[in-house]
């Protein structure tokens, strides 16, 4: 084997190792760091100040239908620790599609785990999001809860149908049902209204 072939092979292997490390750094390291922070950290309340995409979303599906598996995002947070003054911290995590589209917005509050090593290391807990949007906004999750409390029983059926339609749409987006099944079930729900 001559030197030029050996160098070519080393460059080729080095490229794939570097590419793999970059992919691991961008997509794989965050869940590991979050698990460590959650295991030894303390919980605090935080308010989302900014939200941005932090990479390409991962999609699943075929040629004609794809659905988002997760979207990497960066959030700027105003952390309110249990003992101490509020401060600004940043976090990066892989958001679930529904959370990314509907819940993770500026002004929303959620819990975070604050590392015992450094208060700047936080792990967002998007499952604890509390929406503060009024009932007339397009945020369907807050609208559902706000409307249910103020609806009379005659109108409750309409809201139940809209919830069922939203769930059905989520199932279609996740490729759990076919478009034909979606249209058939949608027609059944609308016929009951």
Foldseek 3Di string as FASTA:
>chain_A
DDPVVVVVVVVVVVVVVVVVVVCCVQAPVQVVLQVVLVVAFDKWKKFWADKDFRDDFDWDDDPPAIATAWTKMKTWIFTDGPDDDTDIAMGIDTHGPLCVVAPPDGGKMFMWTAGPVDRNDIHTDSVGIDDPDDLPDPRVVVVLVNVVVPDDPVCVLVSVLVVVLVVLVVCVNVVVDDPVVNVVVNVVSVVVD
